[in-house]
Amino acid sequence: MSGLSSESLNSLSSAVGLEGTGTSFRSPSLYQLVIAILATSIRSFTDVRFHGLSRIPRKGPVIVVCNHVSNLDPIFMVQAARRPIHFLSKKENFENPLKRFIMTSTGQIETYRQTGARDALSRAVDVLDAGLALGIFPEAVSYTHLRAHETSLQLVCRLLLAKKKGGGGGGGGGGGGGG
């Protein structure tokens, strides 16, 4: 898979007007620990199989996009990618104090969809600039609660076009689950 040239990325980024916040982004240490514990536990209790994992880069910036079938999707996506993924997550997931702790301790990005999510998109650029993985569910909700969100497609398109520092490759694509 080939990536866009640095010149192309800069041109597209200018066209969509999307830049990062300028604040560095890193995966919280607690997230690394949670991944290590959950990955072993999940493998012990489930028979989930992943296909196409070689298409997911183990390091460097990548956008992981998936259909949202259940609330367990992020857990399985992280297990499949074998690296932390920082998801754009609706603001409602941050309202309950316990959920807020979990979301912030794992580096998830609070997204105010009703206002166009510009702040979350800028933070998403920071994730990519830091060479990390960004997770997006284009439907914005699981199929069990599916409703159309006009900003979801716009969000994916804008992030795909956003500038990545250092230019070059990043690729991605990925494996689906099996069961």
Foldseek 3Di string as FASTA:
>chain_A
DWDDFLVQLVVLQVVLVAAAPPDADDWAPVLVVCLVVLLVVCVVPDDKDKPFLVQQDLWFEAEAEDAAADPCVLSVVCSSNVFQEAEAAEQVLCPDPVSVCVNVNGNHFYADLVVLRSNSLNNSLSCNLNGHYYYAHLQNDHPVPGDHRPSSVVSVVSSSSHRHPPGIDHGHDTIDMDD
